Amino acid sequence: MSDLYPLPQASAASALIGDPSAFGRVGEDGTVYVRTSAGEKPVGSYPGKTSEEALAYFVRKFEMLAAEIALLAARITSGALVPSDAYLAVKKLRDQVKDLNAVGDLEALAVSVEQIEPLIEGHREAYEAKKAAENEAKKIRLEQILIEKEKIVAEAETLALSESWKVTGDRLKVLLDEWKSAPRLDKTSDADLWKRFSSSRNKFDKRRRTHFAALEAVHSVVSEAKKAIITEAELLATSTQWVPTAKRFKTLMDAWKASGRGKPSDDAKMWARFKAAQDQFFAAKNADLEKRDSTMATNLIKREELVVLIEALVPISNLEDAKKMLREHLNSWGKIGMTHRDKRASLDARVHAVESLVKEAEAQHWRKSDPAAKARAEEVVKQLRESIENYEKIAAKSQALGNTKKAQESTESAEARKVWLADAQRSLAEFS
C-alpha cells in the first residue's frame, strides 16, 4: 500500500508497509476481525457479501484514512497549511484512528499520526515563505491591475473624438464592462483613473447626441415614407393574388430598407404594423398552399392507383377491349385534379407509354386487315411459286442434256426461293 499512498516521511509511511488484509479475518458468522497486539477485535460485518468482499471493504476504510494521513503530512511539508489548521487536522485524525473500525496495522497507523505533529514546527518556515510569496504575487497582481486600468483609460481617451458612433459606442461599453470586472485598486488610484475614463465617455456621448439631434429633420421624412408603405401593405394583406402580391411585398420591403432610420420608438411601432400586414398575407398564402398540397397529395394517390390499372392493359389480348378500357381510364385521369408537377411527370410518361403501345397495336391491326396489302402479299407468294417451278424445270432439262453446272445453279436458285416463299407465306398468314 505504500506505493498507492506514499508519505513524505519514512516514519509515517511505515504504517502502510505490508498487506493490510493480513491483519484481519472473517468469522463463520460473517463478522470481520482485526488483529492487534492486544488480540483480535470485531470491526463489523458486510451482510450479503462474500468473505473476501467484506474483508476488502474494511481494508479500504483503513487505506482511506492512511491516505488522509499521508496527504496531511505532504501539505505540512510543502508549507501549504496554516500551522494552527495543521494542529486541528492532526487532532481530528487522532480521533478518527482511535475510533476506526477497519482492517490493517492500526497501531502503526496511530504511530504515523503522532509522527506528523513534529513536522508542523519543522516546516513553519516553509509556510512563512509561502505566505511571503503570496504577498509578493498579490503586489505584482495589483501592479498588473493598475497597468490594465491605465490601458482602458488611455483607449477611452483616444475614442473621445471618434465619429464612428455605433462602433465606438459599443467599444466604450466593452471598456466599461472591463473596468467593472477588473479588481479594485486603492481608493485614490481608482478615483483618479475613473475620473479620466468617465470624462472621455461623457465627451463622446455629448458629441454623439449633438450629431443625432441634427438628424431629427430627416426622421420626419423617413416617417412619412414608411407610413405610405404601411398603408399599401395593409391594403394588400387580404389579397389572394399570391404571386403578384408576394412580389409587391418584396418591393415594399426594399422600399422600407431604403427609406432609412427614423426615431427608434416610432420605427418599432411602424415596423410592427408593416410586419403584421405582411405576416397576415403570407400566413393566408401558406395556408392555401398547404391546402393545395394536401389535395395534390390525395390526387397523387389516385393517379398512382389508376396508372396501375392502365398498365394492366398490356400485353394487349383484345384490341377493342383495350381501347375501350383505355378511353375510360383516360377520362378518369383527366378528371383528377392538380398534382405536383415533379411527381406527375413520371406518371404521365407511364400513361403515354401504354397509349403508344395501344396505338401501335391498332396500326398493326390495320396493316394486317388492309386488302391491298394482302393482295400484294398473295402476289408475292404466287410469283415465288412460279419462279421455283420454272427453276426446277430448267434444272431437270439441263440435267437431261448433261449440263451439270447449269442444273446445279438452277437447283440452288429454286432452293433459295423456297426459303423466301416460306417467309412470304408466313406474312400472308398474318392477314385477317
Protein backbone atom coordinates (compact mmCIF):
# COMPACT_ATOMS: atom_id res chain seq x y z
CA MET A 1 0.00 0.00 0.00
CA SER A 2 2.99 2.36 0.34
CA ASP A 3 3.08 2.62 -3.45
CA LEU A 4 -0.51 3.85 -3.56
CA TYR A 5 -0.30 6.41 -0.77
CA PRO A 6 3.37 7.44 -0.31
CA LEU A 7 4.04 9.60 2.80
CA PRO A 8 6.76 12.24 2.69
CA GLN A 9 8.32 10.88 5.91
CA ALA A 10 9.58 7.29 6.17
CA SER A 11 8.28 7.03 9.73
CA ALA A 12 4.78 7.96 8.67
CA ALA A 13 4.86 5.64 5.68
CA SER A 14 5.73 2.68 7.90
CA ALA A 15 2.04 2.46 8.85
CA LEU A 16 1.23 1.29 5.35
CA ILE A 17 4.04 -1.20 4.81
CA GLY A 18 2.76 -4.70 4.11
CA ASP A 19 -0.67 -6.02 3.24
CA PRO A 20 -3.42 -4.55 5.46
CA SER A 21 -5.63 -7.59 4.83
CA ALA A 22 -3.05 -9.71 6.64
CA PHE A 23 -4.26 -8.06 9.86
CA GLY A 24 -7.80 -9.32 9.52
CA ARG A 25 -10.02 -12.31 9.08
CA VAL A 26 -13.73 -13.11 8.63
CA GLY A 27 -15.55 -15.35 11.08
CA GLU A 28 -18.03 -18.05 10.11
CA ASP A 29 -20.93 -15.74 11.07
CA GLY A 30 -19.61 -13.02 8.71
CA THR A 31 -18.04 -10.86 11.44
CA VAL A 32 -14.80 -9.19 10.37
CA TYR A 33 -11.96 -9.11 12.94
CA VAL A 34 -8.74 -7.10 13.08
CA ARG A 35 -5.59 -8.37 14.80
CA THR A 36 -3.82 -6.05 17.26
CA SER A 37 -1.10 -6.60 19.85
CA ALA A 38 -3.90 -6.86 22.42
CA GLY A 39 -5.64 -9.58 20.43
CA GLU A 40 -8.46 -9.66 17.92
CA LYS A 41 -11.41 -7.32 17.99
CA PRO A 42 -14.52 -7.22 15.78
CA VAL A 43 -14.84 -4.25 13.43
CA GLY A 44 -18.19 -5.06 11.82
CA SER A 45 -19.78 -7.09 9.05
CA TYR A 46 -20.92 -6.64 5.42
CA PRO A 47 -24.23 -8.56 5.01
CA GLY A 48 -24.96 -10.08 1.63
CA LYS A 49 -21.30 -10.09 0.55
CA THR A 50 -18.64 -12.82 0.37
CA SER A 51 -15.91 -13.07 2.99
CA GLU A 52 -13.39 -11.62 0.52
CA GLU A 53 -15.66 -8.65 -0.27
CA ALA A 54 -16.35 -8.00 3.43
CA LEU A 55 -12.64 -8.09 4.29
CA ALA A 56 -11.81 -5.82 1.31
CA TYR A 57 -14.41 -3.30 2.47
CA PHE A 58 -12.79 -2.86 5.90
CA VAL A 59 -9.31 -2.81 4.30
CA ARG A 60 -10.45 0.10 2.11
CA LYS A 61 -11.54 2.02 5.21
CA PHE A 62 -8.04 1.56 6.60
CA GLU A 63 -6.46 2.64 3.31
CA MET A 64 -8.64 5.75 3.02
CA LEU A 65 -7.62 7.02 6.44
CA ALA A 66 -3.98 6.14 5.75
CA ALA A 67 -4.21 8.22 2.59
CA GLU A 68 -5.57 11.19 4.58
CA ILE A 69 -2.62 10.93 6.96
CA ALA A 70 -0.18 10.86 4.05
CA LEU A 71 -1.86 13.85 2.42
CA LEU A 72 -1.80 15.90 5.61
CA ALA A 73 1.92 15.19 6.05
CA ALA A 74 2.56 16.27 2.47
CA ARG A 75 0.64 19.53 2.85
CA ILE A 76 2.51 20.38 6.06
CA THR A 77 5.86 19.61 4.45
CA SER A 78 5.06 21.82 1.43
CA GLY A 79 4.07 24.74 3.67
CA ALA A 80 0.57 24.81 2.18
CA LEU A 81 -1.18 24.56 5.56
CA VAL A 82 -1.51 27.16 8.28
CA PRO A 83 0.18 25.71 11.42
CA SER A 84 -2.95 26.26 13.57
CA ASP A 85 -5.06 24.43 10.99
CA ALA A 86 -2.45 21.66 10.88
CA TYR A 87 -2.72 21.06 14.63
CA LEU A 88 -6.52 20.81 14.36
CA ALA A 89 -6.18 18.36 11.48
CA VAL A 90 -3.80 16.16 13.49
CA LYS A 91 -6.25 16.14 16.41
CA LYS A 92 -9.08 15.14 14.07
CA LEU A 93 -7.04 12.28 12.57
CA ARG A 94 -6.02 11.12 16.01
CA ASP A 95 -9.69 10.80 16.99
CA GLN A 96 -10.51 9.03 13.70
CA VAL A 97 -7.72 6.45 14.21
CA LYS A 98 -8.84 5.88 17.77
CA ASP A 99 -12.41 5.03 16.70
CA LEU A 100 -11.52 3.38 13.39
CA ASN A 101 -13.25 0.08 12.60
CA ALA A 102 -11.03 -1.17 9.81
CA VAL A 103 -8.56 -3.94 8.92
CA GLY A 104 -4.85 -3.08 8.83
CA ASP A 105 -1.97 -2.27 11.13
CA LEU A 106 -3.97 0.07 13.37
CA GLU A 107 -1.11 0.55 15.84
CA ALA A 108 1.30 1.58 13.09
CA LEU A 109 -1.38 3.91 11.75
CA ALA A 110 -1.72 5.55 15.18
CA VAL A 111 2.08 5.94 15.39
CA SER A 112 2.11 7.59 11.94
CA VAL A 113 -0.39 10.20 13.18
CA GLU A 114 1.78 11.00 16.19
CA GLN A 115 4.80 11.40 13.91
CA ILE A 116 3.05 14.13 11.89
CA GLU A 117 2.80 16.73 14.68
CA PRO A 118 6.57 17.31 14.95
CA LEU A 119 6.53 18.16 11.22
CA ILE A 120 4.42 21.28 11.84
CA GLU A 121 7.05 23.35 13.61
CA GLY A 122 9.76 21.92 11.41
CA HIS A 123 8.02 23.30 8.33
CA ARG A 124 6.75 26.61 9.74
CA GLU A 125 9.44 28.39 7.74
CA ALA A 126 8.11 26.82 4.56
CA TYR A 127 4.65 28.16 5.41
CA GLU A 128 6.02 31.65 6.12
CA ALA A 129 7.94 31.59 2.85
CA LYS A 130 4.81 30.57 1.02
CA LYS A 131 2.84 33.42 2.60
CA ALA A 132 5.57 35.87 1.63
CA ALA A 133 5.47 34.58 -1.92
CA GLU A 134 1.70 35.02 -1.96
CA ASN A 135 2.00 38.62 -0.73
CA GLU A 136 4.57 39.33 -3.43
CA ALA A 137 2.29 37.79 -6.01
CA LYS A 138 -0.54 40.00 -4.74
CA LYS A 139 1.66 43.07 -5.11
CA ILE A 140 2.58 42.08 -8.64
CA ARG A 141 -1.09 41.44 -9.39
CA LEU A 142 -2.06 44.93 -8.18
CA GLU A 143 0.63 46.40 -10.39
CA GLN A 144 -0.79 44.44 -13.31
CA ILE A 145 -4.32 45.65 -12.48
CA LEU A 146 -3.03 49.23 -12.50
CA ILE A 147 -1.49 48.68 -15.93
CA GLU A 148 -4.72 47.17 -17.26
CA LYS A 149 -6.88 50.03 -15.94
CA GLU A 150 -4.50 52.65 -17.30
CA LYS A 151 -4.72 50.88 -20.66
CA ILE A 152 -8.56 51.05 -20.52
CA VAL A 153 -8.43 54.78 -19.70
CA ALA A 154 -5.89 55.50 -22.45
CA GLU A 155 -8.04 53.79 -25.09
CA ALA A 156 -11.17 55.63 -23.91
CA GLU A 157 -9.32 58.95 -24.26
CA THR A 158 -8.36 58.11 -27.88
CA LEU A 159 -12.02 57.34 -28.67
CA ALA A 160 -13.46 60.57 -27.27
CA LEU A 161 -13.26 62.36 -30.66
CA SER A 162 -14.38 59.40 -32.80
CA GLU A 163 -17.27 59.79 -35.25
CA SER A 164 -17.85 56.04 -35.68
CA TRP A 165 -20.86 56.33 -33.42
CA LYS A 166 -22.03 52.74 -33.22
CA VAL A 167 -18.62 51.05 -33.26
CA THR A 168 -17.15 53.45 -30.73
CA GLY A 169 -20.24 53.34 -28.52
CA ASP A 170 -20.08 49.53 -28.48
CA ARG A 171 -16.35 49.63 -27.74
CA LEU A 172 -16.82 52.04 -24.83
CA LYS A 173 -19.46 49.67 -23.42
CA VAL A 174 -16.92 46.84 -23.62
CA LEU A 175 -14.31 49.01 -21.90
CA LEU A 176 -16.85 49.86 -19.18
CA ASP A 177 -17.54 46.15 -18.65
CA GLU A 178 -13.79 45.50 -18.45
CA TRP A 179 -13.46 48.31 -15.88
CA LYS A 180 -16.29 46.87 -13.76
CA SER A 181 -14.86 43.35 -13.90
CA ALA A 182 -11.34 44.49 -13.01
CA PRO A 183 -10.39 44.22 -9.30
CA ARG A 184 -10.24 47.44 -7.28
CA LEU A 185 -7.04 49.35 -6.53
CA ASP A 186 -6.57 51.70 -3.61
CA LYS A 187 -9.30 54.35 -3.33
CA THR A 188 -7.22 57.28 -4.63
CA SER A 189 -5.80 55.50 -7.66
CA ASP A 190 -9.18 54.10 -8.61
CA ALA A 191 -10.88 57.52 -8.28
CA ASP A 192 -8.29 59.32 -10.44
CA LEU A 193 -8.43 56.72 -13.20
CA TRP A 194 -12.23 56.61 -13.13
CA LYS A 195 -12.43 60.41 -13.45
CA ARG A 196 -10.34 60.30 -16.66
CA PHE A 197 -12.32 57.34 -18.04
CA SER A 198 -15.71 58.87 -17.25
CA SER A 199 -14.70 62.21 -18.75
CA SER A 200 -13.79 60.56 -22.07
CA ARG A 201 -17.07 58.67 -22.20
CA ASN A 202 -19.09 61.80 -21.43
CA LYS A 203 -17.25 63.76 -24.11
CA PHE A 204 -18.05 61.15 -26.74
CA ASP A 205 -21.68 60.83 -25.61
CA LYS A 206 -22.21 64.60 -25.83
CA ARG A 207 -20.86 64.73 -29.37
CA ARG A 208 -22.98 61.74 -30.38
CA ARG A 209 -26.18 63.34 -29.01
CA THR A 210 -25.42 66.51 -30.93
CA HIS A 211 -24.93 64.51 -34.12
CA PHE A 212 -28.19 62.61 -33.84
CA ALA A 213 -30.10 65.74 -32.91
CA ALA A 214 -29.20 67.04 -36.37
CA LEU A 215 -30.94 64.02 -37.88
CA GLU A 216 -34.30 64.97 -36.41
CA ALA A 217 -35.41 66.73 -39.60
CA VAL A 218 -34.59 63.61 -41.61
CA HIS A 219 -36.69 61.45 -39.29
CA SER A 220 -39.92 63.18 -40.30
CA VAL A 221 -39.25 62.41 -43.97
CA VAL A 222 -38.48 58.79 -43.12
CA SER A 223 -41.64 58.55 -41.06
CA GLU A 224 -43.86 59.80 -43.91
CA ALA A 225 -42.29 57.34 -46.36
CA LYS A 226 -42.84 54.43 -44.01
CA LYS A 227 -46.44 55.43 -43.33
CA ALA A 228 -47.15 55.28 -47.06
CA ILE A 229 -45.56 51.83 -47.24
CA ILE A 230 -47.66 50.63 -44.30
CA THR A 231 -50.87 51.94 -45.87
CA GLU A 232 -50.28 49.95 -49.05
CA ALA A 233 -49.17 46.86 -47.11
CA GLU A 234 -52.36 46.85 -45.04
CA LEU A 235 -54.45 47.08 -48.23
CA LEU A 236 -52.57 44.09 -49.67
CA ALA A 237 -52.88 41.99 -46.51
CA THR A 238 -56.15 40.37 -47.63
CA SER A 239 -55.19 39.87 -51.29
CA THR A 240 -55.46 36.36 -52.75
CA GLN A 241 -53.36 37.18 -55.80
CA TRP A 242 -50.48 35.24 -54.33
CA VAL A 243 -47.68 35.69 -56.87
CA PRO A 244 -48.04 39.39 -57.81
CA THR A 245 -48.82 40.39 -54.23
CA ALA A 246 -45.78 38.49 -52.90
CA LYS A 247 -43.63 40.32 -55.42
CA ARG A 248 -45.16 43.64 -54.36
CA PHE A 249 -44.42 42.90 -50.70
CA LYS A 250 -40.80 42.30 -51.65
CA THR A 251 -40.74 45.68 -53.39
CA LEU A 252 -42.28 47.30 -50.30
CA MET A 253 -39.65 45.63 -48.11
CA ASP A 254 -36.89 47.01 -50.33
CA ALA A 255 -38.50 50.44 -50.11
CA TRP A 256 -38.71 50.13 -46.33
CA LYS A 257 -34.99 49.36 -46.09
CA ALA A 258 -34.12 52.20 -48.45
CA SER A 259 -36.21 54.75 -46.52
CA GLY A 260 -33.63 54.94 -43.73
CA ARG A 261 -33.98 55.01 -39.97
CA GLY A 262 -36.44 57.07 -38.02
CA LYS A 263 -36.86 57.51 -34.30
CA PRO A 264 -36.34 54.12 -32.66
CA SER A 265 -39.66 54.24 -30.81
CA ASP A 266 -41.61 55.26 -33.96
CA ASP A 267 -39.71 52.79 -36.13
CA ALA A 268 -40.59 49.92 -33.80
CA LYS A 269 -44.32 50.72 -33.89
CA MET A 270 -44.42 51.21 -37.66
CA TRP A 271 -42.41 48.06 -38.26
CA ALA A 272 -44.87 46.12 -36.10
CA ARG A 273 -47.75 47.33 -38.33
CA PHE A 274 -45.90 46.61 -41.56
CA LYS A 275 -44.82 43.16 -40.39
CA ALA A 276 -48.35 42.34 -39.17
CA ALA A 277 -49.77 43.11 -42.64
CA GLN A 278 -47.01 41.12 -44.30
CA ASP A 279 -47.47 38.18 -41.93
CA GLN A 280 -51.24 38.20 -42.47
CA PHE A 281 -50.81 37.88 -46.25
CA PHE A 282 -48.10 35.22 -46.15
CA ALA A 283 -49.93 33.21 -43.47
CA ALA A 284 -53.00 33.07 -45.75
CA LYS A 285 -50.78 32.27 -48.73
CA ASN A 286 -49.04 29.44 -46.87
CA ALA A 287 -52.37 28.07 -45.60
CA ASP A 288 -53.68 27.98 -49.17
CA LEU A 289 -50.53 26.24 -50.34
CA GLU A 290 -50.82 23.70 -47.53
CA LYS A 291 -54.42 23.02 -48.55
CA ARG A 292 -53.29 22.58 -52.14
CA ASP A 293 -50.50 20.30 -51.03
CA SER A 294 -52.99 18.11 -49.18
CA THR A 295 -55.33 17.99 -52.19
CA MET A 296 -52.47 17.29 -54.59
CA ALA A 297 -51.19 14.52 -52.31
CA THR A 298 -54.63 12.88 -52.47
CA ASN A 299 -54.72 13.33 -56.25
CA LEU A 300 -51.27 11.76 -56.50
CA ILE A 301 -52.56 8.62 -54.77
CA LYS A 302 -55.49 8.46 -57.19
CA ARG A 303 -53.16 8.76 -60.18
CA GLU A 304 -50.78 6.13 -58.81
CA GLU A 305 -53.70 3.72 -58.37
CA LEU A 306 -55.12 4.50 -61.84
CA VAL A 307 -51.78 4.16 -63.65
CA VAL A 308 -51.55 0.60 -62.35
CA LEU A 309 -54.92 -0.18 -63.99
CA ILE A 310 -53.78 1.46 -67.24
CA GLU A 311 -50.53 -0.52 -67.33
CA ALA A 312 -52.51 -3.72 -66.68
CA LEU A 313 -53.93 -3.37 -70.24
CA VAL A 314 -50.54 -4.50 -71.55
CA PRO A 315 -49.91 -7.01 -73.07
CA ILE A 316 -52.96 -6.47 -75.26
CA SER A 317 -55.06 -9.60 -75.78
CA ASN A 318 -58.15 -7.94 -77.23
CA LEU A 319 -57.52 -4.66 -79.02
CA GLU A 320 -61.09 -3.38 -78.95
CA ASP A 321 -61.48 -4.09 -75.23
CA ALA A 322 -58.11 -2.49 -74.54
CA LYS A 323 -59.06 0.66 -76.49
CA LYS A 324 -62.38 0.91 -74.67
CA MET A 325 -60.81 0.49 -71.21
CA LEU A 326 -58.03 2.96 -72.06
CA ARG A 327 -60.59 5.61 -73.06
CA GLU A 328 -62.45 5.12 -69.78
CA HIS A 329 -59.23 5.30 -67.75
CA LEU A 330 -58.02 8.40 -69.60
CA ASN A 331 -61.38 10.06 -68.98
CA SER A 332 -60.96 9.35 -65.24
CA TRP A 333 -57.34 10.51 -65.44
CA GLY A 334 -58.41 13.86 -66.87
CA LYS A 335 -60.96 14.39 -64.09
CA ILE A 336 -58.37 14.04 -61.31
CA GLY A 337 -57.34 17.47 -60.05
CA MET A 338 -53.92 19.10 -59.76
CA THR A 339 -50.87 17.04 -58.85
CA HIS A 340 -47.32 18.22 -58.16
CA ARG A 341 -45.57 18.61 -61.48
CA ASP A 342 -42.41 16.81 -60.41
CA LYS A 343 -44.48 13.81 -59.23
CA ARG A 344 -46.91 13.80 -62.16
CA ALA A 345 -44.28 13.84 -64.93
CA SER A 346 -43.21 10.24 -64.34
CA LEU A 347 -46.83 9.06 -64.10
CA ASP A 348 -47.75 10.84 -67.36
CA ALA A 349 -44.79 9.15 -69.04
CA ARG A 350 -46.09 5.73 -67.95
CA VAL A 351 -49.58 6.52 -69.29
CA HIS A 352 -48.15 7.77 -72.60
CA ALA A 353 -46.16 4.56 -72.90
CA VAL A 354 -49.37 2.48 -72.70
CA GLU A 355 -51.12 4.84 -75.15
CA SER A 356 -48.25 4.34 -77.60
CA LEU A 357 -48.49 0.56 -77.30
CA VAL A 358 -52.25 0.64 -77.96
CA LYS A 359 -51.77 2.94 -80.95
CA GLU A 360 -49.04 0.67 -82.31
CA ALA A 361 -51.26 -2.38 -81.86
CA GLU A 362 -54.09 -0.55 -83.65
CA ALA A 363 -51.78 0.40 -86.52
CA GLN A 364 -50.51 -3.15 -86.79
CA HIS A 365 -54.05 -4.49 -86.79
CA TRP A 366 -54.98 -2.08 -89.57
CA ARG A 367 -51.97 -3.12 -91.61
CA LYS A 368 -52.95 -6.80 -91.28
CA SER A 369 -56.53 -6.16 -92.37
CA ASP A 370 -55.60 -3.93 -95.35
CA PRO A 371 -56.96 -5.64 -98.60
CA ALA A 372 -54.35 -4.01 -100.81
CA ALA A 373 -51.50 -5.18 -98.57
CA LYS A 374 -52.99 -8.69 -98.51
CA ALA A 375 -53.25 -8.71 -102.31
CA ARG A 376 -49.61 -7.68 -102.59
CA ALA A 377 -48.61 -10.47 -100.20
CA GLU A 378 -50.59 -13.02 -102.23
CA GLU A 379 -48.96 -11.77 -105.45
CA VAL A 380 -45.50 -12.25 -103.92
CA VAL A 381 -46.36 -15.83 -102.90
CA LYS A 382 -47.69 -16.55 -106.39
CA GLN A 383 -44.60 -15.12 -108.11
CA LEU A 384 -42.25 -17.08 -105.88
CA ARG A 385 -44.10 -20.35 -106.58
CA GLU A 386 -43.95 -19.74 -110.31
CA SER A 387 -40.27 -18.86 -110.10
CA ILE A 388 -39.50 -22.03 -108.14
CA GLU A 389 -41.40 -24.14 -110.64
CA ASN A 390 -39.53 -22.51 -113.55
CA TYR A 391 -36.10 -23.07 -111.99
CA GLU A 392 -36.94 -26.70 -111.23
CA LYS A 393 -37.88 -27.26 -114.89
CA ILE A 394 -34.62 -25.66 -116.08
CA ALA A 395 -32.64 -27.82 -113.66
CA ALA A 396 -34.35 -31.01 -114.91
CA LYS A 397 -33.84 -30.09 -118.56
CA SER A 398 -30.17 -29.14 -118.01
CA GLN A 399 -29.54 -32.39 -116.17
CA ALA A 400 -31.05 -34.37 -119.05
CA LEU A 401 -28.80 -32.57 -121.51
CA GLY A 402 -25.74 -33.25 -119.36
CA ASN A 403 -25.23 -29.61 -118.36
CA THR A 404 -24.50 -30.35 -114.71
CA LYS A 405 -23.30 -26.84 -113.85
CA LYS A 406 -26.47 -25.13 -115.07
CA ALA A 407 -28.59 -27.80 -113.42
CA GLN A 408 -26.79 -27.13 -110.14
CA GLU A 409 -27.24 -23.35 -110.40
CA SER A 410 -30.96 -23.69 -111.21
CA THR A 411 -31.48 -26.07 -108.29
CA GLU A 412 -29.77 -23.62 -105.91
CA SER A 413 -31.89 -20.73 -107.19
CA ALA A 414 -35.05 -22.81 -106.64
CA GLU A 415 -33.98 -23.70 -103.06
CA ALA A 416 -33.24 -20.06 -102.21
CA ARG A 417 -36.69 -19.02 -103.40
CA LYS A 418 -38.29 -21.74 -101.34
CA VAL A 419 -36.86 -20.03 -98.26
CA TRP A 420 -38.27 -16.71 -99.47
CA LEU A 421 -41.57 -18.39 -100.15
CA ALA A 422 -41.78 -19.67 -96.57
CA ASP A 423 -41.29 -16.11 -95.25
CA ALA A 424 -43.86 -14.72 -97.70
CA GLN A 425 -46.41 -17.38 -96.71
CA ARG A 426 -45.94 -16.52 -93.04
CA SER A 427 -46.51 -12.83 -93.78
CA LEU A 428 -49.62 -13.69 -95.77
CA ALA A 429 -50.91 -15.84 -92.92
CA GLU A 430 -50.85 -12.80 -90.58
CA PHE A 431 -53.58 -11.02 -92.55
CA SER A 432 -57.07 -11.45 -91.18
